[in-house]
N, C-alpha and C. Protein backbone atom coordinates (compact mmCIF):
# COMPACT_ATOMS: atom_id res chain seq x y z
N MET A 1 5.00 -31.64 66.30
CA MET A 1 4.39 -32.19 65.11
C MET A 1 5.09 -33.51 64.78
N ILE A 2 4.29 -34.52 64.40
CA ILE A 2 4.83 -35.83 64.03
C ILE A 2 4.89 -35.92 62.52
N LYS A 3 6.06 -36.25 62.02
CA LYS A 3 6.22 -36.41 60.57
C LYS A 3 6.16 -37.89 60.26
N ILE A 4 5.08 -38.32 59.64
CA ILE A 4 4.85 -39.74 59.39
C ILE A 4 5.79 -40.30 58.34
N PHE A 5 6.00 -39.58 57.26
CA PHE A 5 6.80 -40.10 56.17
C PHE A 5 8.23 -39.59 56.18
N GLY A 6 8.62 -38.87 57.21
CA GLY A 6 10.00 -38.41 57.31
C GLY A 6 10.32 -37.27 56.35
N VAL A 7 9.32 -36.56 55.85
CA VAL A 7 9.55 -35.45 54.94
C VAL A 7 10.11 -34.28 55.75
N GLY A 8 11.03 -33.57 55.17
CA GLY A 8 11.56 -32.38 55.82
C GLY A 8 12.46 -32.74 56.99
N ARG A 9 13.35 -33.69 56.82
CA ARG A 9 14.26 -34.08 57.88
C ARG A 9 15.20 -32.93 58.19
N GLY A 10 15.10 -32.41 59.34
CA GLY A 10 15.99 -31.33 59.75
C GLY A 10 16.93 -31.84 60.83
N LYS A 11 17.52 -30.91 61.56
CA LYS A 11 18.46 -31.25 62.61
C LYS A 11 17.79 -32.09 63.69
N ARG A 12 16.54 -31.80 64.06
CA ARG A 12 15.84 -32.55 65.11
C ARG A 12 15.65 -34.01 64.70
N ALA A 13 15.30 -34.23 63.41
CA ALA A 13 15.11 -35.59 62.94
C ALA A 13 16.42 -36.37 63.02
N GLU A 14 17.54 -35.70 62.67
CA GLU A 14 18.84 -36.36 62.73
C GLU A 14 19.21 -36.69 64.17
N GLU A 15 18.93 -35.76 65.10
CA GLU A 15 19.23 -36.02 66.51
C GLU A 15 18.42 -37.20 67.02
N SER A 16 17.15 -37.25 66.63
CA SER A 16 16.28 -38.34 67.04
C SER A 16 16.82 -39.66 66.51
N LYS A 17 17.30 -39.65 65.28
CA LYS A 17 17.85 -40.84 64.66
C LYS A 17 19.07 -41.32 65.44
N ASP A 18 19.94 -40.38 65.88
CA ASP A 18 21.12 -40.74 66.65
C ASP A 18 20.72 -41.35 67.99
N ASP A 19 19.69 -40.81 68.64
CA ASP A 19 19.21 -41.36 69.91
C ASP A 19 18.73 -42.79 69.74
N ASP A 20 18.05 -43.08 68.62
CA ASP A 20 17.54 -44.43 68.36
C ASP A 20 18.69 -45.41 68.21
N ALA A 21 19.81 -44.97 67.67
CA ALA A 21 20.95 -45.86 67.46
C ALA A 21 21.50 -46.35 68.80
N GLU A 22 21.39 -45.51 69.84
CA GLU A 22 21.90 -45.91 71.14
C GLU A 22 20.93 -46.83 71.89
N ALA A 23 19.64 -46.76 71.55
CA ALA A 23 18.64 -47.59 72.23
C ALA A 23 18.83 -49.05 71.82
N PRO A 24 18.58 -49.98 72.75
CA PRO A 24 18.72 -51.40 72.40
C PRO A 24 17.68 -51.79 71.35
N ALA A 25 18.11 -52.61 70.41
CA ALA A 25 17.21 -53.04 69.33
C ALA A 25 16.22 -54.06 69.88
N THR A 26 14.95 -53.80 69.64
CA THR A 26 13.93 -54.77 70.03
C THR A 26 13.33 -55.34 68.76
N LYS A 27 13.23 -56.65 68.74
CA LYS A 27 12.71 -57.34 67.58
C LYS A 27 11.19 -57.15 67.53
N LYS A 28 10.71 -56.69 66.41
CA LYS A 28 9.27 -56.50 66.24
C LYS A 28 8.63 -57.87 66.03
N LYS A 29 7.55 -58.11 66.77
CA LYS A 29 6.87 -59.40 66.65
C LYS A 29 6.03 -59.44 65.39
N GLN A 30 6.08 -60.59 64.74
CA GLN A 30 5.24 -60.84 63.57
C GLN A 30 3.80 -61.09 64.04
N PRO A 31 2.81 -60.86 63.18
CA PRO A 31 1.41 -61.12 63.57
C PRO A 31 1.19 -62.55 64.04
N GLY A 32 1.87 -63.51 63.41
CA GLY A 32 1.74 -64.91 63.82
C GLY A 32 2.21 -65.14 65.24
N GLU A 33 3.30 -64.45 65.63
CA GLU A 33 3.82 -64.58 66.99
C GLU A 33 2.85 -63.98 68.01
N ILE A 34 2.24 -62.87 67.64
CA ILE A 34 1.27 -62.23 68.53
C ILE A 34 0.08 -63.15 68.73
N ARG A 35 -0.40 -63.74 67.65
CA ARG A 35 -1.54 -64.67 67.74
C ARG A 35 -1.15 -65.89 68.58
N MET A 36 0.05 -66.42 68.36
CA MET A 36 0.50 -67.60 69.12
C MET A 36 0.56 -67.28 70.61
N GLN A 37 1.08 -66.12 70.97
CA GLN A 37 1.17 -65.74 72.38
C GLN A 37 -0.22 -65.70 73.00
N LYS A 38 -1.17 -65.12 72.29
CA LYS A 38 -2.55 -65.04 72.77
C LYS A 38 -3.14 -66.44 72.95
N GLU A 39 -2.94 -67.30 71.95
CA GLU A 39 -3.47 -68.67 72.04
C GLU A 39 -2.84 -69.44 73.20
N LEU A 40 -1.54 -69.29 73.37
CA LEU A 40 -0.86 -70.01 74.46
C LEU A 40 -1.33 -69.52 75.82
N ASP A 41 -1.59 -68.22 75.94
CA ASP A 41 -2.09 -67.67 77.20
C ASP A 41 -3.45 -68.24 77.55
N GLU A 42 -4.26 -68.54 76.54
CA GLU A 42 -5.63 -69.01 76.75
C GLU A 42 -5.78 -70.52 76.64
N MET A 43 -4.72 -71.23 76.22
CA MET A 43 -4.81 -72.66 75.93
C MET A 43 -5.03 -73.50 77.19
N GLU A 44 -5.98 -74.40 77.09
CA GLU A 44 -6.21 -75.39 78.13
C GLU A 44 -6.13 -76.76 77.48
N LEU A 45 -4.97 -77.40 77.62
CA LEU A 45 -4.77 -78.71 77.01
C LEU A 45 -5.46 -79.79 77.83
N PRO A 46 -5.97 -80.82 77.17
CA PRO A 46 -6.54 -81.94 77.91
C PRO A 46 -5.44 -82.65 78.69
N PRO A 47 -5.81 -83.41 79.72
CA PRO A 47 -4.78 -84.03 80.59
C PRO A 47 -3.83 -84.99 79.88
N GLN A 48 -4.23 -85.55 78.73
CA GLN A 48 -3.35 -86.49 78.03
C GLN A 48 -2.38 -85.79 77.07
N CYS A 49 -2.32 -84.45 77.13
CA CYS A 49 -1.44 -83.67 76.26
C CYS A 49 -0.53 -82.77 77.09
N HIS A 50 0.72 -82.68 76.65
CA HIS A 50 1.70 -81.80 77.30
C HIS A 50 2.47 -81.04 76.23
N ILE A 51 2.77 -79.79 76.51
CA ILE A 51 3.48 -78.95 75.55
C ILE A 51 4.90 -78.70 76.05
N ASN A 52 5.85 -78.63 75.11
CA ASN A 52 7.24 -78.38 75.45
C ASN A 52 7.83 -77.44 74.40
N PHE A 53 8.55 -76.43 74.88
CA PHE A 53 9.24 -75.48 74.01
C PHE A 53 10.74 -75.73 74.11
N PRO A 54 11.36 -76.38 73.11
CA PRO A 54 12.81 -76.60 73.15
C PRO A 54 13.59 -75.30 73.27
N ASP A 55 13.12 -74.24 72.60
CA ASP A 55 13.73 -72.92 72.68
C ASP A 55 12.67 -71.99 73.26
N LYS A 56 12.84 -71.60 74.51
CA LYS A 56 11.84 -70.78 75.21
C LYS A 56 11.60 -69.43 74.52
N ASN A 57 12.53 -69.00 73.67
CA ASN A 57 12.39 -67.72 72.98
C ASN A 57 11.68 -67.86 71.62
N ASN A 58 11.31 -69.09 71.27
CA ASN A 58 10.68 -69.31 69.97
C ASN A 58 9.32 -69.99 70.17
N LEU A 59 8.27 -69.18 70.16
CA LEU A 59 6.91 -69.70 70.34
C LEU A 59 6.40 -70.41 69.09
N MET A 60 7.11 -70.26 67.98
CA MET A 60 6.62 -70.78 66.71
C MET A 60 7.10 -72.21 66.44
N HIS A 61 7.87 -72.76 67.34
CA HIS A 61 8.36 -74.14 67.21
C HIS A 61 8.24 -74.80 68.58
N PHE A 62 7.43 -75.85 68.65
CA PHE A 62 7.23 -76.53 69.92
C PHE A 62 6.80 -77.97 69.69
N GLN A 63 6.70 -78.70 70.78
CA GLN A 63 6.30 -80.11 70.72
C GLN A 63 5.07 -80.31 71.60
N ILE A 64 4.19 -81.18 71.13
CA ILE A 64 3.05 -81.62 71.93
C ILE A 64 3.20 -83.13 72.09
N GLN A 65 3.17 -83.57 73.33
CA GLN A 65 3.21 -85.01 73.60
C GLN A 65 1.79 -85.46 73.92
N ILE A 66 1.33 -86.47 73.18
CA ILE A 66 -0.01 -87.01 73.38
C ILE A 66 0.11 -88.43 73.90
N SER A 67 -0.57 -88.69 75.00
CA SER A 67 -0.62 -90.03 75.61
C SER A 67 -2.09 -90.46 75.64
N PRO A 68 -2.56 -91.14 74.57
CA PRO A 68 -3.97 -91.52 74.52
C PRO A 68 -4.38 -92.36 75.73
N ASP A 69 -5.56 -92.06 76.28
CA ASP A 69 -6.03 -92.82 77.44
C ASP A 69 -7.14 -93.80 77.07
N GLU A 70 -7.40 -93.93 75.77
CA GLU A 70 -8.32 -94.94 75.28
C GLU A 70 -8.02 -95.20 73.81
N GLY A 71 -8.57 -96.27 73.27
CA GLY A 71 -8.36 -96.61 71.87
C GLY A 71 -7.19 -97.57 71.68
N PHE A 72 -6.85 -97.82 70.43
CA PHE A 72 -5.80 -98.78 70.06
C PHE A 72 -4.43 -98.41 70.66
N TRP A 73 -4.13 -97.13 70.79
CA TRP A 73 -2.80 -96.67 71.18
C TRP A 73 -2.72 -96.28 72.66
N LYS A 74 -3.69 -96.70 73.45
CA LYS A 74 -3.75 -96.38 74.88
C LYS A 74 -2.46 -96.83 75.58
N GLY A 75 -1.94 -95.92 76.42
CA GLY A 75 -0.76 -96.25 77.22
C GLY A 75 0.56 -95.81 76.62
N ALA A 76 0.59 -95.51 75.34
CA ALA A 76 1.83 -95.07 74.69
C ALA A 76 1.83 -93.54 74.62
N SER A 77 2.98 -92.96 74.32
CA SER A 77 3.11 -91.51 74.16
C SER A 77 3.73 -91.19 72.81
N TYR A 78 3.21 -90.15 72.19
CA TYR A 78 3.65 -89.75 70.87
C TYR A 78 3.99 -88.27 70.88
N THR A 79 5.12 -87.92 70.27
CA THR A 79 5.56 -86.53 70.21
C THR A 79 5.31 -85.98 68.82
N PHE A 80 4.61 -84.85 68.78
CA PHE A 80 4.33 -84.14 67.54
C PHE A 80 5.07 -82.81 67.57
N VAL A 81 5.78 -82.52 66.49
CA VAL A 81 6.50 -81.26 66.35
C VAL A 81 5.64 -80.30 65.54
N PHE A 82 5.48 -79.10 66.08
CA PHE A 82 4.70 -78.04 65.42
C PHE A 82 5.66 -76.96 64.96
N ASN A 83 5.55 -76.59 63.70
CA ASN A 83 6.27 -75.44 63.16
C ASN A 83 5.22 -74.49 62.61
N VAL A 84 5.15 -73.33 63.21
CA VAL A 84 4.11 -72.36 62.87
C VAL A 84 4.75 -71.25 62.03
N ALA A 85 4.17 -71.00 60.87
CA ALA A 85 4.70 -70.00 59.94
C ALA A 85 4.41 -68.59 60.44
N PRO A 86 5.23 -67.61 60.05
CA PRO A 86 4.96 -66.22 60.43
C PRO A 86 3.60 -65.73 59.94
N LEU A 87 3.05 -66.34 58.90
CA LEU A 87 1.75 -65.94 58.36
C LEU A 87 0.57 -66.55 59.13
N TYR A 88 0.87 -67.34 60.16
CA TYR A 88 -0.19 -67.92 60.98
C TYR A 88 -1.07 -66.80 61.52
N PRO A 89 -2.34 -66.90 61.52
CA PRO A 89 -3.21 -68.05 61.28
C PRO A 89 -3.70 -68.18 59.84
N HIS A 90 -3.13 -67.40 58.93
CA HIS A 90 -3.56 -67.49 57.54
C HIS A 90 -2.94 -68.68 56.83
N GLU A 91 -2.02 -69.32 57.50
CA GLU A 91 -1.38 -70.54 57.00
C GLU A 91 -1.40 -71.56 58.12
N ALA A 92 -1.76 -72.80 57.79
CA ALA A 92 -1.84 -73.85 58.80
C ALA A 92 -0.46 -74.18 59.35
N PRO A 93 -0.38 -74.59 60.62
CA PRO A 93 0.91 -75.03 61.14
C PRO A 93 1.34 -76.33 60.47
N LYS A 94 2.62 -76.56 60.42
CA LYS A 94 3.17 -77.83 59.91
C LYS A 94 3.36 -78.74 61.12
N VAL A 95 2.80 -79.94 61.04
CA VAL A 95 2.85 -80.87 62.17
C VAL A 95 3.40 -82.20 61.69
N LYS A 96 4.33 -82.73 62.47
CA LYS A 96 4.95 -84.01 62.14
C LYS A 96 5.05 -84.84 63.41
N CYS A 97 4.80 -86.14 63.28
CA CYS A 97 4.92 -87.05 64.42
C CYS A 97 6.35 -87.57 64.47
N GLU A 98 7.03 -87.33 65.58
CA GLU A 98 8.42 -87.78 65.73
C GLU A 98 8.52 -89.24 66.15
N THR A 99 7.44 -89.77 66.71
CA THR A 99 7.43 -91.15 67.20
C THR A 99 6.89 -92.04 66.10
N LYS A 100 7.64 -93.07 65.73
CA LYS A 100 7.18 -93.98 64.69
C LYS A 100 5.93 -94.70 65.18
N ILE A 101 4.91 -94.74 64.33
CA ILE A 101 3.60 -95.26 64.72
C ILE A 101 2.97 -96.04 63.57
N TYR A 102 2.25 -97.07 63.92
CA TYR A 102 1.46 -97.83 62.94
C TYR A 102 0.05 -97.26 63.00
N HIS A 103 -0.29 -96.42 62.04
CA HIS A 103 -1.55 -95.68 62.06
C HIS A 103 -1.95 -95.38 60.61
N PRO A 104 -3.22 -95.51 60.27
CA PRO A 104 -3.61 -95.23 58.88
C PRO A 104 -3.45 -93.77 58.47
N ASN A 105 -3.49 -92.84 59.41
CA ASN A 105 -3.44 -91.41 59.07
C ASN A 105 -2.11 -90.75 59.37
N ILE A 106 -1.13 -91.55 59.78
CA ILE A 106 0.23 -91.04 60.02
C ILE A 106 1.18 -92.01 59.34
N ASP A 107 1.96 -91.53 58.40
CA ASP A 107 2.85 -92.46 57.70
C ASP A 107 4.12 -92.71 58.51
N LEU A 108 4.96 -93.59 58.00
CA LEU A 108 6.15 -94.01 58.74
C LEU A 108 7.21 -92.90 58.82
N GLN A 109 7.05 -91.84 58.04
CA GLN A 109 7.96 -90.69 58.11
C GLN A 109 7.42 -89.63 59.06
N GLY A 110 6.23 -89.84 59.62
CA GLY A 110 5.66 -88.91 60.58
C GLY A 110 4.71 -87.87 60.01
N ASN A 111 4.45 -87.94 58.71
CA ASN A 111 3.49 -87.00 58.11
C ASN A 111 2.10 -87.33 58.61
N VAL A 112 1.32 -86.29 58.87
CA VAL A 112 0.00 -86.44 59.47
C VAL A 112 -1.07 -86.05 58.45
N CYS A 113 -2.07 -86.93 58.30
CA CYS A 113 -3.19 -86.64 57.42
C CYS A 113 -4.37 -86.22 58.28
N LEU A 114 -4.54 -84.91 58.39
CA LEU A 114 -5.65 -84.33 59.16
C LEU A 114 -6.18 -83.18 58.31
N ASN A 115 -7.45 -83.23 57.97
CA ASN A 115 -8.02 -82.27 57.03
C ASN A 115 -7.79 -80.81 57.43
N ILE A 116 -7.82 -80.50 58.72
CA ILE A 116 -7.64 -79.10 59.11
C ILE A 116 -6.19 -78.63 58.98
N LEU A 117 -5.29 -79.54 58.69
CA LEU A 117 -3.90 -79.14 58.42
C LEU A 117 -3.68 -78.93 56.92
N ARG A 118 -4.72 -79.20 56.15
CA ARG A 118 -4.61 -79.06 54.70
C ARG A 118 -5.75 -78.19 54.18
N GLU A 119 -6.62 -78.79 53.38
CA GLU A 119 -7.64 -78.02 52.66
C GLU A 119 -8.70 -77.38 53.56
N ASP A 120 -8.93 -77.89 54.74
CA ASP A 120 -9.97 -77.34 55.61
C ASP A 120 -9.44 -76.33 56.64
N TRP A 121 -8.18 -75.92 56.50
CA TRP A 121 -7.66 -74.93 57.44
C TRP A 121 -8.32 -73.59 57.21
N LYS A 122 -8.68 -72.93 58.29
CA LYS A 122 -9.25 -71.58 58.24
C LYS A 122 -8.61 -70.77 59.36
N PRO A 123 -8.42 -69.48 59.18
CA PRO A 123 -7.79 -68.66 60.22
C PRO A 123 -8.51 -68.65 61.56
N VAL A 124 -9.79 -69.02 61.59
CA VAL A 124 -10.50 -69.07 62.87
C VAL A 124 -10.08 -70.28 63.69
N LEU A 125 -9.43 -71.26 63.06
CA LEU A 125 -8.95 -72.43 63.80
C LEU A 125 -7.71 -72.05 64.60
N SER A 126 -7.33 -72.92 65.53
CA SER A 126 -6.22 -72.62 66.42
C SER A 126 -5.36 -73.86 66.63
N ILE A 127 -4.29 -73.67 67.37
CA ILE A 127 -3.43 -74.79 67.74
C ILE A 127 -4.24 -75.79 68.56
N SER A 128 -5.13 -75.31 69.42
CA SER A 128 -6.00 -76.21 70.19
C SER A 128 -6.84 -77.07 69.27
N SER A 129 -7.34 -76.49 68.19
CA SER A 129 -8.13 -77.26 67.21
C SER A 129 -7.30 -78.41 66.65
N VAL A 130 -6.04 -78.13 66.35
CA VAL A 130 -5.16 -79.16 65.79
C VAL A 130 -4.91 -80.24 66.84
N VAL A 131 -4.66 -79.85 68.08
CA VAL A 131 -4.42 -80.82 69.15
C VAL A 131 -5.62 -81.74 69.31
N TYR A 132 -6.82 -81.17 69.34
CA TYR A 132 -8.02 -81.99 69.46
C TYR A 132 -8.22 -82.86 68.22
N GLY A 133 -7.85 -82.37 67.06
CA GLY A 133 -7.89 -83.18 65.84
C GLY A 133 -6.96 -84.38 65.93
N LEU A 134 -5.76 -84.15 66.45
CA LEU A 134 -4.80 -85.25 66.63
C LEU A 134 -5.34 -86.27 67.63
N LEU A 135 -5.90 -85.78 68.72
CA LEU A 135 -6.50 -86.69 69.71
C LEU A 135 -7.59 -87.53 69.07
N TYR A 136 -8.39 -86.91 68.22
CA TYR A 136 -9.47 -87.62 67.56
C TYR A 136 -8.93 -88.73 66.65
N LEU A 137 -7.78 -88.49 66.00
CA LEU A 137 -7.18 -89.53 65.17
C LEU A 137 -6.81 -90.77 65.99
N PHE A 138 -6.50 -90.57 67.26
CA PHE A 138 -6.20 -91.72 68.12
C PHE A 138 -7.48 -92.45 68.54
N LEU A 139 -8.57 -91.72 68.65
CA LEU A 139 -9.85 -92.34 69.04
C LEU A 139 -10.56 -92.98 67.85
N GLU A 140 -10.54 -92.29 66.72
CA GLU A 140 -11.24 -92.75 65.52
C GLU A 140 -10.34 -92.60 64.30
N PRO A 141 -9.40 -93.54 64.09
CA PRO A 141 -8.57 -93.44 62.88
C PRO A 141 -9.47 -93.52 61.64
N ASN A 142 -9.08 -92.80 60.60
CA ASN A 142 -9.89 -92.70 59.39
C ASN A 142 -9.26 -93.49 58.24
N PRO A 143 -9.72 -94.72 58.00
CA PRO A 143 -9.14 -95.50 56.90
C PRO A 143 -9.58 -95.00 55.53
N GLY A 144 -10.52 -94.07 55.47
CA GLY A 144 -10.99 -93.54 54.20
C GLY A 144 -10.09 -92.46 53.62
N ASP A 145 -9.16 -91.92 54.41
CA ASP A 145 -8.25 -90.86 53.95
C ASP A 145 -6.86 -91.15 54.52
N PRO A 146 -6.24 -92.26 54.05
CA PRO A 146 -4.99 -92.71 54.69
C PRO A 146 -3.72 -92.12 54.09
N LEU A 147 -2.68 -92.12 54.91
CA LEU A 147 -1.31 -91.94 54.43
C LEU A 147 -0.60 -93.29 54.43
N ASN A 148 -0.92 -94.13 55.41
CA ASN A 148 -0.40 -95.49 55.47
C ASN A 148 -1.51 -96.40 54.93
N HIS A 149 -1.45 -96.66 53.63
CA HIS A 149 -2.50 -97.42 52.95
C HIS A 149 -2.62 -98.86 53.45
N GLU A 150 -1.48 -99.48 53.80
CA GLU A 150 -1.52 -100.86 54.31
C GLU A 150 -2.28 -100.91 55.63
N ALA A 151 -2.00 -100.01 56.54
CA ALA A 151 -2.69 -99.97 57.83
C ALA A 151 -4.18 -99.70 57.63
N ALA A 152 -4.50 -98.81 56.71
CA ALA A 152 -5.90 -98.48 56.44
C ALA A 152 -6.65 -99.69 55.91
N GLU A 153 -6.01 -100.44 55.03
CA GLU A 153 -6.66 -101.63 54.46
C GLU A 153 -6.92 -102.68 55.55
N VAL A 154 -5.96 -102.90 56.44
CA VAL A 154 -6.16 -103.85 57.53
C VAL A 154 -7.29 -103.37 58.43
N LEU A 155 -7.32 -102.08 58.76
CA LEU A 155 -8.39 -101.54 59.61
C LEU A 155 -9.76 -101.70 58.96
N ARG A 156 -9.83 -101.44 57.67
CA ARG A 156 -11.11 -101.58 56.94
C ARG A 156 -11.59 -103.03 56.91
N ASN A 157 -10.66 -103.95 56.68
CA ASN A 157 -11.02 -105.35 56.46
C ASN A 157 -11.13 -106.18 57.73
N ASN A 158 -10.34 -105.86 58.76
CA ASN A 158 -10.33 -106.70 59.96
C ASN A 158 -9.86 -105.86 61.15
N ARG A 159 -10.81 -105.24 61.83
CA ARG A 159 -10.51 -104.35 62.96
C ARG A 159 -9.74 -105.09 64.07
N GLY A 160 -10.09 -106.34 64.32
CA GLY A 160 -9.40 -107.12 65.35
C GLY A 160 -7.93 -107.34 65.00
N GLU A 161 -7.66 -107.69 63.76
CA GLU A 161 -6.28 -107.87 63.31
C GLU A 161 -5.52 -106.56 63.37
N PHE A 162 -6.18 -105.48 63.02
CA PHE A 162 -5.53 -104.17 63.11
C PHE A 162 -5.11 -103.89 64.55
N GLY A 163 -6.00 -104.15 65.50
CA GLY A 163 -5.68 -103.97 66.92
C GLY A 163 -4.48 -104.80 67.35
N ARG A 164 -4.41 -106.05 66.87
CA ARG A 164 -3.26 -106.91 67.21
C ARG A 164 -1.96 -106.35 66.62
N MET A 165 -2.05 -105.81 65.41
CA MET A 165 -0.85 -105.25 64.77
C MET A 165 -0.39 -103.99 65.51
N VAL A 166 -1.33 -103.17 65.95
CA VAL A 166 -0.97 -101.98 66.72
C VAL A 166 -0.29 -102.41 68.02
N GLN A 167 -0.84 -103.40 68.71
CA GLN A 167 -0.24 -103.87 69.95
C GLN A 167 1.16 -104.42 69.72
N ARG A 168 1.36 -105.15 68.63
CA ARG A 168 2.69 -105.67 68.30
C ARG A 168 3.65 -104.50 68.09
N SER A 169 3.20 -103.45 67.39
CA SER A 169 4.07 -102.30 67.15
C SER A 169 4.39 -101.59 68.47
N LEU A 170 3.42 -101.50 69.38
CA LEU A 170 3.65 -100.82 70.66
C LEU A 170 4.63 -101.59 71.55
N ARG A 171 4.70 -102.88 71.38
CA ARG A 171 5.65 -103.70 72.17
C ARG A 171 7.03 -103.77 71.52
N GLY A 172 7.23 -103.01 70.45
CA GLY A 172 8.54 -102.95 69.80
C GLY A 172 8.73 -103.99 68.73
N GLY A 173 7.66 -104.60 68.27
CA GLY A 173 7.74 -105.62 67.23
C GLY A 173 7.75 -105.02 65.84
N ALA A 174 7.84 -105.91 64.86
CA ALA A 174 7.81 -105.50 63.46
C ALA A 174 6.41 -105.72 62.91
N VAL A 175 5.97 -104.78 62.11
CA VAL A 175 4.67 -104.87 61.44
C VAL A 175 4.88 -104.49 59.98
N ALA A 176 4.41 -105.35 59.09
CA ALA A 176 4.53 -105.10 57.64
C ALA A 176 5.98 -104.79 57.25
N GLY A 177 6.92 -105.48 57.87
CA GLY A 177 8.33 -105.31 57.53
C GLY A 177 9.00 -104.09 58.14
N HIS A 178 8.32 -103.39 59.05
CA HIS A 178 8.89 -102.20 59.68
C HIS A 178 9.00 -102.41 61.19
N ALA A 179 10.18 -102.12 61.74
CA ALA A 179 10.40 -102.23 63.20
C ALA A 179 9.90 -100.97 63.87
N PHE A 180 9.30 -101.14 65.03
CA PHE A 180 8.75 -100.00 65.79
C PHE A 180 9.43 -99.93 67.15
N PRO A 181 9.50 -98.73 67.73
CA PRO A 181 10.10 -98.59 69.06
C PRO A 181 9.16 -99.15 70.12
N LYS A 182 9.73 -99.65 71.19
CA LYS A 182 8.93 -100.19 72.29
C LYS A 182 8.35 -99.00 73.08
N LEU A 183 7.02 -98.92 73.10
CA LEU A 183 6.35 -97.80 73.76
C LEU A 183 5.55 -98.23 74.97
N LEU A 184 5.37 -99.51 75.16
CA LEU A 184 4.62 -100.03 76.32
C LEU A 184 5.54 -100.87 77.18
């Protein structure tokens, strides 16, 4: 007979408890970790994206490197850090860009403005959804919902000038008083 609530602990229950003490402790996986493992097993990243796990034992913290193959940022590589909460997928992952970038939807501190990371997050979305959203920001930056308001204004008013400023930033130049790393 299985006692679910441990009522009526007798000698057998105590012996069983002692046996458990000798068994190696196994960490119970959180639901978010189980979902992440499933997603990673099924994930097919596009060729311009690569995933890296700094700690192979922690699926909830990883990096995605994106190397756009078209658009203003073509030829450069950007590293995004993902921190996934134990409540995932009921809570959106936290994503930050580690590479300094001149972009209307990514500020100079690396914060990312992507609707599915905020108000439009739903548990049916996945890490792949976020990766494709990030890729889309490189193809079609959104000056209507900016974090870097100066970059958004330049993009809205003069797309050609915006392209020149992005190229200057990619070559390690200064844009709007901020120095950028050389990425090309």
